[in-house]
Amino acid sequence: FFFGVCCCVRRFPMARVADSVLDLIGETPMVQIKRLNPNQNVQILAKLEGWNPTGSIKDRIALNMIKQALGSGELCPGKIILEPTSGNTGIGLCIVGIVLGYRVMIVMSEAVSIERRKLMQAYGAEVLLTPGKEGTDGAIRKVRQMVKDDPDKYFFPNQFSSEFNLLAHYQNTAQEIWAQTKGKITHLVSALGTSGTIMGISKYLKEKNPDLQVIAAQAERGHYIQGLKHMGEAIVPAIYNRKYIDKTVLIDSESAIHMTREIIQHEAIPAGMSSGAALMAAWSVVREVDQGCVVVIFPDRCEKYLSTSLFDPRKDLPCLLDSPEYLKSYSYMTQSRL
């Protein structure tokens, strides 16, 4: 007892000591969304990928793509790992490169948050910037040209077309979700970027339960949600396959930012912008079903967005739960309309 209060210490088994930071990738926690759940008959669970070493789900694919390249001989001593990215994959590749002894060069749009650029530079990567108006597509075109000009100098993991992107989620993330929910998951909601996350997880979960519904949160045209794509205006990733998605919800930038701030302030989860987009799409699901277990992927953390409009103090917005009419415009969009 301490000052009249019973102090009980929970005893946990001694945690293992990892050989390197790469051994800490994956096995991320899952938490219930309670305060931001508009239908308490439906369980909403957030898969917290920001708990990976660099704070994002992209650590998983960075490790998997490089391991496969080493095994196949595509990546050999002396080659530079070169990748276009909106930030998170590049940061993940940085730690993989450090541990395995490879230089990393990142090409990214100058429009991405300064925090991401500084993180990669802190990890020792060389960062090349492309015009902000071209978005990540501009970075992709730049890398393709660099590899074409000097193919022996670089190894290009190419997250947008690598099967090892989606396999990282098929073999790991999806199996974690199935185990954590004890197979009770009824809906998966994930934002669309490279599409590797939703493709890999969907493939595995639908093999386990063909009735499971997969919902994609896709950014609207002209958006500024970092890391996401609108498939109608961007270079479509080669690994993207519509058959693994049942429904798509279009999310605008302001709504994603609004929901992200709600997550931070009401659930105390330090989520990034794409998490807000995903939870907004999940609300469309929750409002239309009577029961179920909805798993939402929260891809990264908010610390990488401190300089963005996500933390603009001038935006004093009402709580979404107090504004039900705010959601009326959000409904499922058929694939043919996207």
C-alpha atoms as a PDB file:
ATOM      1  CA  PHE A   1       0.000   0.000   0.000  1.00  0.00           C
ATOM      2  CA  PHE A   2       1.176   3.510  -0.824  1.00  0.00           C
ATOM      3  CA  PHE A   3      -0.714   6.468   0.686  1.00  0.00           C
ATOM      4  CA  GLY A   4      -3.712   4.227   1.214  1.00  0.00           C
ATOM      5  CA  VAL A   5      -3.748   2.968  -2.372  1.00  0.00           C
ATOM      6  CA  CYS A   6      -3.050  -0.630  -3.226  1.00  0.00           C
ATOM      7  CA  CYS A   7      -0.201  -0.670  -5.726  1.00  0.00           C
ATOM      8  CA  CYS A   8      -0.201  -3.883  -7.728  1.00  0.00           C
ATOM      9  CA  VAL A   9       2.652  -4.640 -10.097  1.00  0.00           C
ATOM     10  CA  ARG A  10       1.751  -6.627 -13.189  1.00  0.00           C
ATOM     11  CA  ARG A  11       4.397  -9.204 -13.870  1.00  0.00           C
ATOM     12  CA  PHE A  12       5.324  -9.878 -17.473  1.00  0.00           C
ATOM     13  CA  PRO A  13       7.695 -12.534 -18.772  1.00  0.00           C
ATOM     14  CA  MET A  14      11.162 -11.214 -19.515  1.00  0.00           C
ATOM     15  CA  ALA A  15      11.251  -9.809 -23.062  1.00  0.00           C
ATOM     16  CA  ARG A  16      13.763 -11.275 -25.450  1.00  0.00           C
ATOM     17  CA  VAL A  17      16.842  -9.287 -26.422  1.00  0.00           C
ATOM     18  CA  ALA A  18      16.807  -8.601 -30.160  1.00  0.00           C
ATOM     19  CA  ASP A  19      19.911  -9.166 -32.240  1.00  0.00           C
ATOM     20  CA  SER A  20      19.239  -5.970 -34.216  1.00  0.00           C
ATOM     21  CA  VAL A  21      16.531  -3.380 -34.709  1.00  0.00           C
ATOM     22  CA  LEU A  22      15.336  -5.371 -37.731  1.00  0.00           C
ATOM     23  CA  ASP A  23      14.163  -8.125 -35.392  1.00  0.00           C
ATOM     24  CA  LEU A  24      11.702  -5.650 -33.893  1.00  0.00           C
ATOM     25  CA  ILE A  25       9.784  -5.190 -37.141  1.00  0.00           C
ATOM     26  CA  GLY A  26       6.248  -6.573 -37.059  1.00  0.00           C
ATOM     27  CA  GLU A  27       4.116  -8.122 -34.310  1.00  0.00           C
ATOM     28  CA  THR A  28       2.488  -4.734 -33.799  1.00  0.00           C
ATOM     29  CA  PRO A  29      -0.271  -4.184 -31.222  1.00  0.00           C
ATOM     30  CA  MET A  30      -3.980  -3.796 -31.811  1.00  0.00           C
ATOM     31  CA  VAL A  31      -6.268  -1.557 -29.761  1.00  0.00           C
ATOM     32  CA  GLN A  32     -10.007  -0.953 -29.546  1.00  0.00           C
ATOM     33  CA  ILE A  33     -11.393   2.329 -30.838  1.00  0.00           C
ATOM     34  CA  LYS A  34     -13.994   3.289 -28.235  1.00  0.00           C
ATOM     35  CA  ARG A  35     -14.571   7.035 -28.137  1.00  0.00           C
ATOM     36  CA  LEU A  36     -14.611   7.379 -31.923  1.00  0.00           C
ATOM     37  CA  ASN A  37     -16.942   4.462 -32.533  1.00  0.00           C
ATOM     38  CA  PRO A  38     -20.369   5.680 -33.744  1.00  0.00           C
ATOM     39  CA  ASN A  39     -21.910   2.202 -33.382  1.00  0.00           C
ATOM     40  CA  GLN A  40     -21.094   0.405 -30.141  1.00  0.00           C
ATOM     41  CA  ASN A  41     -22.611  -2.830 -31.492  1.00  0.00           C
ATOM     42  CA  VAL A  42     -19.652  -3.053 -33.856  1.00  0.00           C
ATOM     43  CA  GLN A  43     -16.098  -3.519 -32.641  1.00  0.00           C
ATOM     44  CA  ILE A  44     -13.464  -1.286 -34.251  1.00  0.00           C
ATOM     45  CA  LEU A  45      -9.859  -2.397 -33.817  1.00  0.00           C
ATOM     46  CA  ALA A  46      -6.863  -0.345 -34.922  1.00  0.00           C
ATOM     47  CA  LYS A  47      -3.724  -2.184 -36.016  1.00  0.00           C
ATOM     48  CA  LEU A  48      -0.981   0.166 -34.802  1.00  0.00           C
ATOM     49  CA  GLU A  49       1.745  -0.056 -37.428  1.00  0.00           C
ATOM     50  CA  GLY A  50       3.351   3.065 -36.031  1.00  0.00           C
ATOM     51  CA  TRP A  51       4.839   0.776 -33.382  1.00  0.00           C
ATOM     52  CA  ASN A  52       7.387  -0.544 -35.881  1.00  0.00           C
ATOM     53  CA  PRO A  53      10.973   0.709 -35.317  1.00  0.00           C
ATOM     54  CA  THR A  54      10.810   3.768 -37.594  1.00  0.00           C
ATOM     55  CA  GLY A  55       7.148   4.418 -36.876  1.00  0.00           C
ATOM     56  CA  SER A  56       5.464   2.990 -39.956  1.00  0.00           C
ATOM     57  CA  ILE A  57       4.156  -0.118 -41.677  1.00  0.00           C
ATOM     58  CA  LYS A  58       6.753   0.367 -44.417  1.00  0.00           C
ATOM     59  CA  ASP A  59       9.471  -1.160 -42.242  1.00  0.00           C
ATOM     60  CA  ARG A  60       7.881  -4.504 -43.075  1.00  0.00           C
ATOM     61  CA  ILE A  61       8.211  -4.172 -46.833  1.00  0.00           C
ATOM     62  CA  ALA A  62      11.639  -2.533 -46.686  1.00  0.00           C
ATOM     63  CA  LEU A  63      13.038  -5.533 -44.843  1.00  0.00           C
ATOM     64  CA  ASN A  64      11.246  -8.091 -47.005  1.00  0.00           C
ATOM     65  CA  MET A  65      12.267  -6.549 -50.342  1.00  0.00           C
ATOM     66  CA  ILE A  66      15.915  -6.279 -49.330  1.00  0.00           C
ATOM     67  CA  LYS A  67      16.078  -9.798 -47.870  1.00  0.00           C
ATOM     68  CA  GLN A  68      14.678 -11.221 -51.095  1.00  0.00           C
ATOM     69  CA  ALA A  69      17.095  -9.187 -53.204  1.00  0.00           C
ATOM     70  CA  LEU A  70      20.055 -10.428 -51.180  1.00  0.00           C
ATOM     71  CA  GLY A  71      18.862 -13.996 -51.562  1.00  0.00           C
ATOM     72  CA  SER A  72      18.443 -13.697 -55.327  1.00  0.00           C
ATOM     73  CA  GLY A  73      21.709 -11.842 -55.847  1.00  0.00           C
ATOM     74  CA  GLU A  74      20.028  -8.725 -57.271  1.00  0.00           C
ATOM     75  CA  LEU A  75      21.548  -6.735 -54.430  1.00  0.00           C
ATOM     76  CA  CYS A  76      25.255  -7.295 -54.001  1.00  0.00           C
ATOM     77  CA  PRO A  77      28.096  -5.429 -52.243  1.00  0.00           C
ATOM     78  CA  GLY A  78      28.814  -2.062 -53.813  1.00  0.00           C
ATOM     79  CA  LYS A  79      25.324  -1.413 -55.140  1.00  0.00           C
ATOM     80  CA  ILE A  80      23.284   1.505 -53.842  1.00  0.00           C
ATOM     81  CA  ILE A  81      19.690   0.951 -52.743  1.00  0.00           C
ATOM     82  CA  LEU A  82      17.671   3.517 -54.719  1.00  0.00           C
ATOM     83  CA  GLU A  83      13.949   4.092 -54.161  1.00  0.00           C
ATOM     84  CA  PRO A  84      11.262   6.727 -54.887  1.00  0.00           C
ATOM     85  CA  THR A  85       9.050   7.298 -51.872  1.00  0.00           C
ATOM     86  CA  SER A  86       6.729   9.692 -50.094  1.00  0.00           C
ATOM     87  CA  GLY A  87       8.873   9.041 -47.041  1.00  0.00           C
ATOM     88  CA  ASN A  88       8.050   6.005 -44.948  1.00  0.00           C
ATOM     89  CA  THR A  89       9.485   3.322 -47.237  1.00  0.00           C
ATOM     90  CA  GLY A  90      12.631   5.371 -47.578  1.00  0.00           C
ATOM     91  CA  ILE A  91      13.022   5.633 -43.822  1.00  0.00           C
ATOM     92  CA  GLY A  92      12.504   1.888 -43.492  1.00  0.00           C
ATOM     93  CA  LEU A  93      15.131   1.227 -46.164  1.00  0.00           C
ATOM     94  CA  CYS A  94      17.533   3.470 -44.246  1.00  0.00           C
ATOM     95  CA  ILE A  95      17.572   1.258 -41.161  1.00  0.00           C
ATOM     96  CA  VAL A  96      17.791  -1.900 -43.266  1.00  0.00           C
ATOM     97  CA  GLY A  97      20.710  -0.397 -45.165  1.00  0.00           C
ATOM     98  CA  ILE A  98      22.524   0.571 -41.971  1.00  0.00           C
ATOM     99  CA  VAL A  99      22.197  -2.874 -40.386  1.00  0.00           C
ATOM    100  CA  LEU A 100      23.103  -4.767 -43.566  1.00  0.00           C
ATOM    101  CA  GLY A 101      25.830  -2.389 -44.708  1.00  0.00           C
ATOM    102  CA  TYR A 102      24.384  -0.757 -47.831  1.00  0.00           C
ATOM    103  CA  ARG A 103      24.219   2.862 -48.950  1.00  0.00           C
ATOM    104  CA  VAL A 104      20.723   4.232 -49.485  1.00  0.00           C
ATOM    105  CA  MET A 105      19.642   6.948 -51.903  1.00  0.00           C
ATOM    106  CA  ILE A 106      16.089   8.273 -51.761  1.00  0.00           C
ATOM    107  CA  VAL A 107      14.206  10.298 -54.373  1.00  0.00           C
ATOM    108  CA  MET A 108      11.132  12.122 -53.100  1.00  0.00           C
ATOM    109  CA  SER A 109       8.842  15.033 -53.851  1.00  0.00           C
ATOM    110  CA  GLU A 110       9.821  18.312 -52.242  1.00  0.00           C
ATOM    111  CA  ALA A 111       6.197  18.555 -51.091  1.00  0.00           C
ATOM    112  CA  VAL A 112       6.517  15.839 -48.439  1.00  0.00           C
ATOM    113  CA  SER A 113       6.904  16.827 -44.801  1.00  0.00           C
ATOM    114  CA  ILE A 114      10.326  18.108 -43.773  1.00  0.00           C
ATOM    115  CA  GLU A 115      10.384  15.656 -40.865  1.00  0.00           C
ATOM    116  CA  ARG A 116      10.634  12.698 -43.229  1.00  0.00           C
ATOM    117  CA  ARG A 117      13.463  14.248 -45.189  1.00  0.00           C
ATOM    118  CA  LYS A 118      15.414  15.056 -42.041  1.00  0.00           C
ATOM    119  CA  LEU A 119      14.916  11.556 -40.656  1.00  0.00           C
ATOM    120  CA  MET A 120      16.377   9.974 -43.774  1.00  0.00           C
ATOM    121  CA  GLN A 121      19.301  12.358 -43.742  1.00  0.00           C
ATOM    122  CA  ALA A 122      19.842  11.593 -40.056  1.00  0.00           C
ATOM    123  CA  TYR A 123      20.075   7.916 -40.983  1.00  0.00           C
ATOM    124  CA  GLY A 124      22.770   8.801 -43.520  1.00  0.00           C
ATOM    125  CA  ALA A 125      20.776   8.526 -46.734  1.00  0.00           C
ATOM    126  CA  GLU A 126      21.332  10.784 -49.709  1.00  0.00           C
ATOM    127  CA  VAL A 127      18.042  12.512 -50.542  1.00  0.00           C
ATOM    128  CA  LEU A 128      17.218  13.861 -54.005  1.00  0.00           C
ATOM    129  CA  LEU A 129      14.145  16.072 -54.409  1.00  0.00           C
ATOM    130  CA  THR A 130      11.775  16.323 -57.364  1.00  0.00           C
ATOM    131  CA  PRO A 131       9.241  19.127 -58.051  1.00  0.00           C
ATOM    132  CA  GLY A 132       6.371  19.136 -55.583  1.00  0.00           C
ATOM    133  CA  LYS A 133       3.742  19.571 -58.292  1.00  0.00           C
ATOM    134  CA  GLU A 134       4.727  16.179 -59.744  1.00  0.00           C
ATOM    135  CA  GLY A 135       4.105  14.334 -56.480  1.00  0.00           C
ATOM    136  CA  THR A 136       5.508  10.848 -55.944  1.00  0.00           C
ATOM    137  CA  ASP A 137       5.010  10.113 -59.650  1.00  0.00           C
ATOM    138  CA  GLY A 138       7.791  12.587 -60.394  1.00  0.00           C
ATOM    139  CA  ALA A 139      10.110  10.721 -58.037  1.00  0.00           C
ATOM    140  CA  ILE A 140       9.207   7.414 -59.703  1.00  0.00           C
ATOM    141  CA  ARG A 141      10.050   8.773 -63.155  1.00  0.00           C
ATOM    142  CA  LYS A 142      13.362  10.170 -61.868  1.00  0.00           C
ATOM    143  CA  VAL A 143      14.424   6.832 -60.374  1.00  0.00           C
ATOM    144  CA  ARG A 144      13.474   4.909 -63.507  1.00  0.00           C
ATOM    145  CA  GLN A 145      15.707   7.186 -65.544  1.00  0.00           C
ATOM    146  CA  MET A 146      18.612   6.884 -63.089  1.00  0.00           C
ATOM    147  CA  VAL A 147      18.422   3.083 -63.161  1.00  0.00           C
ATOM    148  CA  LYS A 148      18.191   3.093 -66.960  1.00  0.00           C
ATOM    149  CA  ASP A 149      21.277   5.303 -67.209  1.00  0.00           C
ATOM    150  CA  ASP A 150      23.388   3.229 -64.781  1.00  0.00           C
ATOM    151  CA  PRO A 151      21.802  -0.177 -64.050  1.00  0.00           C
ATOM    152  CA  ASP A 152      24.917  -1.655 -62.435  1.00  0.00           C
ATOM    153  CA  LYS A 153      25.168   1.112 -59.855  1.00  0.00           C
ATOM    154  CA  TYR A 154      21.745   0.807 -58.252  1.00  0.00           C
ATOM    155  CA  PHE A 155      19.346  -1.729 -56.830  1.00  0.00           C
ATOM    156  CA  PHE A 156      15.778  -0.492 -57.257  1.00  0.00           C
ATOM    157  CA  PRO A 157      13.424  -2.368 -54.854  1.00  0.00           C
ATOM    158  CA  ASN A 158      10.415  -0.773 -56.596  1.00  0.00           C
ATOM    159  CA  GLN A 159       7.757  -0.991 -53.901  1.00  0.00           C
ATOM    160  CA  PHE A 160       5.064  -0.135 -56.460  1.00  0.00           C
ATOM    161  CA  SER A 161       5.543  -3.341 -58.440  1.00  0.00           C
ATOM    162  CA  SER A 162       7.403  -5.701 -56.115  1.00  0.00           C
ATOM    163  CA  GLU A 163       5.525  -8.853 -55.174  1.00  0.00           C
ATOM    164  CA  PHE A 164       7.589  -8.845 -51.989  1.00  0.00           C
ATOM    165  CA  ASN A 165       5.719  -5.719 -50.909  1.00  0.00           C
ATOM    166  CA  LEU A 166       2.384  -7.515 -50.736  1.00  0.00           C
ATOM    167  CA  LEU A 167       4.027 -10.769 -49.577  1.00  0.00           C
ATOM    168  CA  ALA A 168       5.307  -8.977 -46.471  1.00  0.00           C
ATOM    169  CA  HIS A 169       1.675  -8.438 -45.527  1.00  0.00           C
ATOM    170  CA  TYR A 170       0.369 -11.781 -46.774  1.00  0.00           C
ATOM    171  CA  GLN A 171       2.964 -13.696 -44.764  1.00  0.00           C
ATOM    172  CA  ASN A 172       3.066 -11.518 -41.658  1.00  0.00           C
ATOM    173  CA  THR A 173       0.644  -8.620 -41.122  1.00  0.00           C
ATOM    174  CA  ALA A 174      -2.427 -10.592 -42.201  1.00  0.00           C
ATOM    175  CA  GLN A 175      -1.545 -13.569 -40.038  1.00  0.00           C
ATOM    176  CA  GLU A 176      -1.066 -11.284 -37.039  1.00  0.00           C
ATOM    177  CA  ILE A 177      -4.530  -9.790 -37.620  1.00  0.00           C
ATOM    178  CA  TRP A 178      -6.143 -13.217 -37.912  1.00  0.00           C
ATOM    179  CA  ALA A 179      -4.499 -14.356 -34.678  1.00  0.00           C
ATOM    180  CA  GLN A 180      -5.215 -11.129 -32.761  1.00  0.00           C
ATOM    181  CA  THR A 181      -8.923 -11.237 -33.657  1.00  0.00           C
ATOM    182  CA  LYS A 182      -9.098 -15.022 -33.208  1.00  0.00           C
ATOM    183  CA  GLY A 183     -10.487 -15.199 -36.722  1.00  0.00           C
ATOM    184  CA  LYS A 184     -13.479 -13.007 -35.869  1.00  0.00           C
ATOM    185  CA  ILE A 185     -12.603 -10.144 -38.207  1.00  0.00           C
ATOM    186  CA  THR A 186     -15.497  -9.343 -40.575  1.00  0.00           C
ATOM    187  CA  HIS A 187     -14.179  -6.196 -42.286  1.00  0.00           C
ATOM    188  CA  LEU A 188     -10.722  -4.887 -43.171  1.00  0.00           C
ATOM    189  CA  VAL A 189     -10.231  -1.180 -43.885  1.00  0.00           C
ATOM    190  CA  SER A 190      -6.979   0.195 -45.276  1.00  0.00           C
ATOM    191  CA  ALA A 191      -5.885   3.301 -47.149  1.00  0.00           C
ATOM    192  CA  LEU A 192      -4.554   3.030 -50.716  1.00  0.00           C
ATOM    193  CA  GLY A 193      -0.955   3.981 -51.441  1.00  0.00           C
ATOM    194  CA  THR A 194       1.276   1.434 -53.140  1.00  0.00           C
ATOM    195  CA  SER A 195      -1.653  -0.937 -52.400  1.00  0.00           C
ATOM    196  CA  GLY A 196       0.722  -3.598 -51.062  1.00  0.00           C
ATOM    197  CA  THR A 197      -0.834  -3.538 -47.600  1.00  0.00           C
ATOM    198  CA  ILE A 198      -4.432  -4.047 -48.673  1.00  0.00           C
ATOM    199  CA  MET A 199      -3.534  -6.516 -51.455  1.00  0.00           C
ATOM    200  CA  GLY A 200      -1.462  -8.796 -49.230  1.00  0.00           C
ATOM    201  CA  ILE A 201      -3.735  -8.723 -46.194  1.00  0.00           C
ATOM    202  CA  SER A 202      -6.891  -9.144 -48.272  1.00  0.00           C
ATOM    203  CA  LYS A 203      -5.526 -12.149 -50.144  1.00  0.00           C
ATOM    204  CA  TYR A 204      -4.693 -14.001 -46.934  1.00  0.00           C
ATOM    205  CA  LEU A 205      -7.834 -13.104 -45.010  1.00  0.00           C
ATOM    206  CA  LYS A 206     -10.154 -13.967 -47.898  1.00  0.00           C
ATOM    207  CA  GLU A 207      -8.513 -17.377 -48.103  1.00  0.00           C
ATOM    208  CA  LYS A 208      -9.432 -17.804 -44.453  1.00  0.00           C
ATOM    209  CA  ASN A 209     -12.914 -16.306 -44.798  1.00  0.00           C
ATOM    210  CA  PRO A 210     -14.285 -15.668 -48.315  1.00  0.00           C
ATOM    211  CA  ASP A 211     -17.150 -13.616 -46.844  1.00  0.00           C
ATOM    212  CA  LEU A 212     -14.811 -11.067 -45.285  1.00  0.00           C
ATOM    213  CA  GLN A 213     -15.288  -7.561 -46.706  1.00  0.00           C
ATOM    214  CA  VAL A 214     -12.320  -5.406 -47.694  1.00  0.00           C
ATOM    215  CA  ILE A 215     -12.798  -1.647 -47.922  1.00  0.00           C
ATOM    216  CA  ALA A 216     -10.238   0.738 -49.401  1.00  0.00           C
ATOM    217  CA  ALA A 217      -9.924   4.373 -48.372  1.00  0.00           C
ATOM    218  CA  GLN A 218      -8.897   6.135 -51.565  1.00  0.00           C
ATOM    219  CA  ALA A 219      -7.882   9.791 -51.641  1.00  0.00           C
ATOM    220  CA  GLU A 220      -9.944  12.075 -53.855  1.00  0.00           C
ATOM    221  CA  ARG A 221      -8.479  13.760 -56.920  1.00  0.00           C
ATOM    222  CA  GLY A 222      -6.230  16.688 -56.101  1.00  0.00           C
ATOM    223  CA  HIS A 223      -5.669  15.499 -52.535  1.00  0.00           C
ATOM    224  CA  TYR A 224      -2.702  16.249 -50.278  1.00  0.00           C
ATOM    225  CA  ILE A 225      -2.813  13.213 -47.987  1.00  0.00           C
ATOM    226  CA  GLN A 226       0.821  12.162 -47.938  1.00  0.00           C
ATOM    227  CA  GLY A 227       1.431   8.545 -48.934  1.00  0.00           C
ATOM    228  CA  LEU A 228      -1.962   7.973 -50.577  1.00  0.00           C
ATOM    229  CA  LYS A 229      -2.980   7.736 -54.231  1.00  0.00           C
ATOM    230  CA  HIS A 230      -6.036   8.374 -56.323  1.00  0.00           C
ATOM    231  CA  MET A 231      -5.753   5.634 -58.922  1.00  0.00           C
ATOM    232  CA  GLY A 232      -7.407   7.753 -61.600  1.00  0.00           C
ATOM    233  CA  GLU A 233      -4.744  10.480 -61.576  1.00  0.00           C
ATOM    234  CA  ALA A 234      -1.550   8.689 -60.536  1.00  0.00           C
ATOM    235  CA  ILE A 235       0.747   5.981 -61.863  1.00  0.00           C
ATOM    236  CA  VAL A 236      -1.155   2.842 -60.864  1.00  0.00           C
ATOM    237  CA  PRO A 237       1.071   0.367 -58.963  1.00  0.00           C
ATOM    238  CA  ALA A 238       1.599  -2.895 -60.853  1.00  0.00           C
ATOM    239  CA  ILE A 239       0.637  -4.869 -57.737  1.00  0.00           C
ATOM    240  CA  TYR A 240      -2.783  -3.192 -57.497  1.00  0.00           C
ATOM    241  CA  ASN A 241      -5.622  -5.618 -58.265  1.00  0.00           C
ATOM    242  CA  ARG A 242      -9.248  -4.555 -57.799  1.00  0.00           C
ATOM    243  CA  LYS A 243     -10.441  -8.090 -57.186  1.00  0.00           C
ATOM    244  CA  TYR A 244      -9.053  -7.953 -53.647  1.00  0.00           C
ATOM    245  CA  ILE A 245     -11.184  -4.907 -52.780  1.00  0.00           C
ATOM    246  CA  ASP A 246     -14.933  -5.157 -52.263  1.00  0.00           C
ATOM    247  CA  LYS A 247     -15.744  -1.480 -51.831  1.00  0.00           C
ATOM    248  CA  THR A 248     -13.957   1.844 -52.008  1.00  0.00           C
ATOM    249  CA  VAL A 249     -14.631   5.063 -50.107  1.00  0.00           C
ATOM    250  CA  LEU A 250     -13.301   8.345 -51.463  1.00  0.00           C
ATOM    251  CA  ILE A 251     -11.829  10.583 -48.770  1.00  0.00           C
ATOM    252  CA  ASP A 252     -10.939  14.259 -49.139  1.00  0.00           C
ATOM    253  CA  SER A 253      -7.864  15.762 -47.514  1.00  0.00           C
ATOM    254  CA  GLU A 254      -9.650  17.916 -44.950  1.00  0.00           C
ATOM    255  CA  SER A 255     -11.725  14.982 -43.715  1.00  0.00           C
ATOM    256  CA  ALA A 256      -8.620  12.827 -43.310  1.00  0.00           C
ATOM    257  CA  ILE A 257      -6.884  15.575 -41.345  1.00  0.00           C
ATOM    258  CA  HIS A 258      -9.970  16.190 -39.220  1.00  0.00           C
ATOM    259  CA  MET A 259     -10.326  12.520 -38.316  1.00  0.00           C
ATOM    260  CA  THR A 260      -6.609  12.184 -37.594  1.00  0.00           C
ATOM    261  CA  ARG A 261      -6.817  15.017 -35.095  1.00  0.00           C
ATOM    262  CA  GLU A 262      -9.820  13.311 -33.510  1.00  0.00           C
ATOM    263  CA  ILE A 263      -7.830  10.082 -33.159  1.00  0.00           C
ATOM    264  CA  ILE A 264      -4.982  11.905 -31.451  1.00  0.00           C
ATOM    265  CA  GLN A 265      -7.186  13.959 -29.142  1.00  0.00           C
ATOM    266  CA  HIS A 266      -9.880  11.426 -28.244  1.00  0.00           C
ATOM    267  CA  GLU A 267      -8.170   8.030 -28.508  1.00  0.00           C
ATOM    268  CA  ALA A 268      -4.679   9.213 -27.470  1.00  0.00           C
ATOM    269  CA  ILE A 269      -3.164   7.383 -30.444  1.00  0.00           C
ATOM    270  CA  PRO A 270      -0.394   9.340 -32.245  1.00  0.00           C
ATOM    271  CA  ALA A 271      -1.703   8.504 -35.717  1.00  0.00           C
ATOM    272  CA  GLY A 272      -0.663   9.882 -39.100  1.00  0.00           C
ATOM    273  CA  MET A 273      -2.874  11.286 -41.870  1.00  0.00           C
ATOM    274  CA  SER A 274      -3.554   8.008 -43.660  1.00  0.00           C
ATOM    275  CA  SER A 275      -4.883   6.585 -40.395  1.00  0.00           C
ATOM    276  CA  GLY A 276      -7.494   9.326 -40.350  1.00  0.00           C
ATOM    277  CA  ALA A 277      -8.480   8.497 -43.918  1.00  0.00           C
ATOM    278  CA  ALA A 278      -8.821   4.823 -43.026  1.00  0.00           C
ATOM    279  CA  LEU A 279     -10.942   5.439 -39.927  1.00  0.00           C
ATOM    280  CA  MET A 280     -13.184   7.804 -41.887  1.00  0.00           C
ATOM    281  CA  ALA A 281     -13.787   4.993 -44.381  1.00  0.00           C
ATOM    282  CA  ALA A 282     -14.385   2.588 -41.502  1.00  0.00           C
ATOM    283  CA  TRP A 283     -17.166   4.827 -40.200  1.00  0.00           C
ATOM    284  CA  SER A 284     -19.002   4.238 -43.474  1.00  0.00           C
ATOM    285  CA  VAL A 285     -18.864   0.522 -42.725  1.00  0.00           C
ATOM    286  CA  VAL A 286     -19.848   0.814 -39.084  1.00  0.00           C
ATOM    287  CA  ARG A 287     -22.914   2.902 -39.897  1.00  0.00           C
ATOM    288  CA  GLU A 288     -24.258   0.271 -42.292  1.00  0.00           C
ATOM    289  CA  VAL A 289     -23.882  -2.972 -40.310  1.00  0.00           C
ATOM    290  CA  ASP A 290     -25.548  -4.246 -37.140  1.00  0.00           C
ATOM    291  CA  GLN A 291     -22.558  -6.118 -35.766  1.00  0.00           C
ATOM    292  CA  GLY A 292     -19.066  -7.189 -36.677  1.00  0.00           C
ATOM    293  CA  CYS A 293     -15.349  -6.781 -36.070  1.00  0.00           C
ATOM    294  CA  VAL A 294     -13.789  -4.047 -38.197  1.00  0.00           C
ATOM    295  CA  VAL A 295      -9.986  -3.896 -38.323  1.00  0.00           C
ATOM    296  CA  VAL A 296      -8.514  -0.593 -39.481  1.00  0.00           C
ATOM    297  CA  ILE A 297      -4.865  -0.258 -40.466  1.00  0.00           C
ATOM    298  CA  PHE A 298      -3.158   2.761 -38.877  1.00  0.00           C
ATOM    299  CA  PRO A 299       0.004   2.920 -41.054  1.00  0.00           C
ATOM    300  CA  ASP A 300       2.174   5.429 -39.214  1.00  0.00           C
ATOM    301  CA  ARG A 301       2.551   8.016 -36.457  1.00  0.00           C
ATOM    302  CA  CYS A 302       1.890  11.741 -36.282  1.00  0.00           C
ATOM    303  CA  GLU A 303       5.416  12.892 -35.431  1.00  0.00           C
ATOM    304  CA  LYS A 304       6.350  12.947 -39.127  1.00  0.00           C
ATOM    305  CA  TYR A 305       3.646  15.543 -39.812  1.00  0.00           C
ATOM    306  CA  LEU A 306       4.379  18.193 -37.182  1.00  0.00           C
ATOM    307  CA  SER A 307       5.122  20.818 -39.845  1.00  0.00           C
ATOM    308  CA  THR A 308       1.979  20.098 -41.880  1.00  0.00           C
ATOM    309  CA  SER A 309      -1.615  21.318 -41.774  1.00  0.00           C
ATOM    310  CA  LEU A 310      -2.417  18.380 -39.499  1.00  0.00           C
ATOM    311  CA  PHE A 311      -1.183  20.522 -36.621  1.00  0.00           C
ATOM    312  CA  ASP A 312      -2.393  23.904 -37.858  1.00  0.00           C
ATOM    313  CA  PRO A 313      -3.635  25.651 -34.661  1.00  0.00           C
ATOM    314  CA  ARG A 314      -5.963  27.837 -36.739  1.00  0.00           C
ATOM    315  CA  LYS A 315      -8.137  24.851 -37.588  1.00  0.00           C
ATOM    316  CA  ASP A 316     -10.517  24.554 -34.662  1.00  0.00           C
ATOM    317  CA  LEU A 317     -12.891  21.832 -35.814  1.00  0.00           C
ATOM    318  CA  PRO A 318     -15.938  20.310 -34.076  1.00  0.00           C
ATOM    319  CA  CYS A 319     -15.896  16.745 -32.826  1.00  0.00           C
ATOM    320  CA  LEU A 320     -17.086  14.457 -35.621  1.00  0.00           C
ATOM    321  CA  LEU A 321     -19.246  12.453 -33.243  1.00  0.00           C
ATOM    322  CA  ASP A 322     -21.170  15.645 -32.491  1.00  0.00           C
ATOM    323  CA  SER A 323     -21.750  16.263 -36.200  1.00  0.00           C
ATOM    324  CA  PRO A 324     -23.464  13.174 -37.665  1.00  0.00           C
ATOM    325  CA  GLU A 325     -24.481  15.113 -40.774  1.00  0.00           C
ATOM    326  CA  TYR A 326     -20.766  15.390 -41.570  1.00  0.00           C
ATOM    327  CA  LEU A 327     -20.788  11.761 -42.688  1.00  0.00           C
ATOM    328  CA  LYS A 328     -23.792  11.865 -44.976  1.00  0.00           C
ATOM    329  CA  SER A 329     -21.643  12.403 -48.063  1.00  0.00           C
ATOM    330  CA  TYR A 330     -19.583   9.291 -47.376  1.00  0.00           C
ATOM    331  CA  SER A 331     -20.919   6.190 -49.051  1.00  0.00           C
ATOM    332  CA  TYR A 332     -19.443   3.237 -50.854  1.00  0.00           C
ATOM    333  CA  MET A 333     -18.240   3.982 -54.369  1.00  0.00           C
ATOM    334  CA  THR A 334     -18.447   1.175 -56.907  1.00  0.00           C
ATOM    335  CA  GLN A 335     -15.213   0.198 -58.616  1.00  0.00           C
ATOM    336  CA  SER A 336     -16.561   1.227 -62.018  1.00  0.00           C
ATOM    337  CA  ARG A 337     -16.820   4.856 -60.899  1.00  0.00           C
ATOM    338  CA  LEU A 338     -13.197   5.179 -59.780  1.00  0.00           C
END
